[in-house]
């Protein structure tokens, strides 16, 4: 990577492989992240800088937790409790 430090909320597109995956260097530690190019803004090319932002999705989290709890409940019932219940 270059001598310039990447800000915490930014990434640089290091390369695009086979038009399918992009390799990003993220944050000041330049952590390598491989993403599907479909997730990038249209027209993104190697060398472009991107702003990175993550947001919590409480609705999806709650739905997934409820689904997993349901599975665990079914497993506990069918396995007779077991030592891990």
C-alpha atoms as a PDB file:
ATOM      1  CA  UNK A   1       0.000   0.000   0.000  1.00  0.00           C
ATOM      2  CA  UNK A   2       1.055   3.618  -0.261  1.00  0.00           C
ATOM      3  CA  UNK A   3       2.568   5.822   2.436  1.00  0.00           C
ATOM      4  CA  UNK A   4      -0.830   7.505   2.911  1.00  0.00           C
ATOM      5  CA  UNK A   5      -2.912   6.251   5.832  1.00  0.00           C
ATOM      6  CA  UNK A   6      -6.455   5.126   5.092  1.00  0.00           C
ATOM      7  CA  UNK A   7      -9.079   6.800   7.328  1.00  0.00           C
ATOM      8  CA  UNK A   8     -11.141   4.593   9.674  1.00  0.00           C
ATOM      9  CA  UNK A   9     -14.277   4.905   7.557  1.00  0.00           C
ATOM     10  CA  UNK A  10     -12.698   4.439   4.130  1.00  0.00           C
ATOM     11  CA  UNK A  11     -11.357   1.748   1.833  1.00  0.00           C
ATOM     12  CA  UNK A  12      -9.417   1.752  -1.383  1.00  0.00           C
ATOM     13  CA  UNK A  13     -10.123  -0.718  -4.177  1.00  0.00           C
ATOM     14  CA  UNK A  14      -6.809  -2.532  -4.535  1.00  0.00           C
ATOM     15  CA  UNK A  15      -7.896  -4.757  -7.412  1.00  0.00           C
ATOM     16  CA  UNK A  16     -10.847  -6.403  -9.101  1.00  0.00           C
ATOM     17  CA  UNK A  17     -10.424 -10.096  -9.830  1.00  0.00           C
ATOM     18  CA  UNK A  18     -12.148 -11.714 -12.819  1.00  0.00           C
ATOM     19  CA  UNK A  19     -14.781  -8.969 -12.770  1.00  0.00           C
ATOM     20  CA  UNK A  20     -16.374 -10.857  -9.885  1.00  0.00           C
ATOM     21  CA  UNK A  21     -14.624  -9.918  -6.649  1.00  0.00           C
ATOM     22  CA  UNK A  22     -13.003  -6.730  -5.437  1.00  0.00           C
ATOM     23  CA  UNK A  23     -10.155  -6.657  -2.955  1.00  0.00           C
ATOM     24  CA  UNK A  24     -10.399  -3.638  -0.661  1.00  0.00           C
ATOM     25  CA  UNK A  25      -7.884  -2.293   1.838  1.00  0.00           C
ATOM     26  CA  UNK A  26      -9.949  -1.018   4.748  1.00  0.00           C
ATOM     27  CA  UNK A  27      -9.051   1.439   7.507  1.00  0.00           C
ATOM     28  CA  UNK A  28      -5.680   2.582   8.790  1.00  0.00           C
ATOM     29  CA  UNK A  29      -4.502  -1.018   9.310  1.00  0.00           C
ATOM     30  CA  UNK A  30      -5.314  -1.736   5.650  1.00  0.00           C
ATOM     31  CA  UNK A  31      -7.242  -4.885   6.449  1.00  0.00           C
ATOM     32  CA  UNK A  32      -7.892  -6.802   3.256  1.00  0.00           C
ATOM     33  CA  UNK A  33     -11.567  -7.413   2.521  1.00  0.00           C
ATOM     34  CA  UNK A  34     -12.864  -9.357  -0.474  1.00  0.00           C
ATOM     35  CA  UNK A  35     -16.373  -8.429  -1.631  1.00  0.00           C
ATOM     36  CA  UNK A  36     -18.615  -9.245  -4.560  1.00  0.00           C
ATOM     37  CA  UNK A  37     -18.383  -6.429  -7.124  1.00  0.00           C
ATOM     38  CA  UNK A  38     -22.201  -6.276  -7.134  1.00  0.00           C
ATOM     39  CA  UNK A  39     -21.925  -4.637  -3.693  1.00  0.00           C
ATOM     40  CA  UNK A  40     -19.809  -1.763  -5.030  1.00  0.00           C
ATOM     41  CA  UNK A  41     -21.207   1.473  -6.447  1.00  0.00           C
ATOM     42  CA  UNK A  42     -21.689   1.293 -10.209  1.00  0.00           C
ATOM     43  CA  UNK A  43     -18.578   2.249 -12.144  1.00  0.00           C
ATOM     44  CA  UNK A  44     -16.117   1.517  -9.313  1.00  0.00           C
ATOM     45  CA  UNK A  45     -12.625   0.749 -10.601  1.00  0.00           C
ATOM     46  CA  UNK A  46      -9.258  -0.115  -9.103  1.00  0.00           C
ATOM     47  CA  UNK A  47      -7.838   2.785  -7.151  1.00  0.00           C
ATOM     48  CA  UNK A  48     -11.231   4.255  -6.222  1.00  0.00           C
ATOM     49  CA  UNK A  49     -11.803   5.297  -2.610  1.00  0.00           C
ATOM     50  CA  UNK A  50     -14.996   4.230  -0.902  1.00  0.00           C
ATOM     51  CA  UNK A  51     -16.684   5.300   2.334  1.00  0.00           C
ATOM     52  CA  UNK A  52     -17.424   2.334   4.559  1.00  0.00           C
ATOM     53  CA  UNK A  53     -20.484   2.354   6.787  1.00  0.00           C
ATOM     54  CA  UNK A  54     -22.130  -0.367   8.794  1.00  0.00           C
ATOM     55  CA  UNK A  55     -25.558  -0.063  10.343  1.00  0.00           C
ATOM     56  CA  UNK A  56     -27.278  -2.319  12.820  1.00  0.00           C
ATOM     57  CA  UNK A  57     -30.360  -4.145  11.568  1.00  0.00           C
ATOM     58  CA  UNK A  58     -32.349  -4.848  14.745  1.00  0.00           C
ATOM     59  CA  UNK A  59     -35.361  -6.283  12.893  1.00  0.00           C
ATOM     60  CA  UNK A  60     -33.290  -8.858  11.028  1.00  0.00           C
ATOM     61  CA  UNK A  61     -31.320  -9.660  14.181  1.00  0.00           C
ATOM     62  CA  UNK A  62     -34.505 -10.278  16.168  1.00  0.00           C
ATOM     63  CA  UNK A  63     -35.979 -12.455  13.409  1.00  0.00           C
ATOM     64  CA  UNK A  64     -32.821 -14.587  13.141  1.00  0.00           C
ATOM     65  CA  UNK A  65     -32.575 -14.978  16.912  1.00  0.00           C
ATOM     66  CA  UNK A  66     -36.206 -16.057  17.112  1.00  0.00           C
ATOM     67  CA  UNK A  67     -35.701 -18.594  14.326  1.00  0.00           C
ATOM     68  CA  UNK A  68     -32.609 -20.009  16.014  1.00  0.00           C
ATOM     69  CA  UNK A  69     -34.366 -20.211  19.371  1.00  0.00           C
ATOM     70  CA  UNK A  70     -37.163 -22.170  17.700  1.00  0.00           C
ATOM     71  CA  UNK A  71     -34.645 -24.617  16.256  1.00  0.00           C
ATOM     72  CA  UNK A  72     -32.920 -25.011  19.611  1.00  0.00           C
ATOM     73  CA  UNK A  73     -36.255 -25.648  21.316  1.00  0.00           C
ATOM     74  CA  UNK A  74     -37.113 -28.365  18.783  1.00  0.00           C
ATOM     75  CA  UNK A  75     -33.694 -29.977  19.219  1.00  0.00           C
ATOM     76  CA  UNK A  76     -34.014 -29.952  22.977  1.00  0.00           C
ATOM     77  CA  UNK A  77     -37.428 -31.628  22.785  1.00  0.00           C
ATOM     78  CA  UNK A  78     -36.372 -34.308  20.289  1.00  0.00           C
ATOM     79  CA  UNK A  79     -33.112 -35.153  22.037  1.00  0.00           C
ATOM     80  CA  UNK A  80     -34.561 -35.390  25.520  1.00  0.00           C
ATOM     81  CA  UNK A  81     -32.730 -32.411  26.924  1.00  0.00           C
ATOM     82  CA  UNK A  82     -29.214 -33.849  26.871  1.00  0.00           C
ATOM     83  CA  UNK A  83     -26.317 -32.394  28.751  1.00  0.00           C
ATOM     84  CA  UNK A  84     -26.232 -29.198  26.652  1.00  0.00           C
ATOM     85  CA  UNK A  85     -29.802 -28.060  27.311  1.00  0.00           C
END
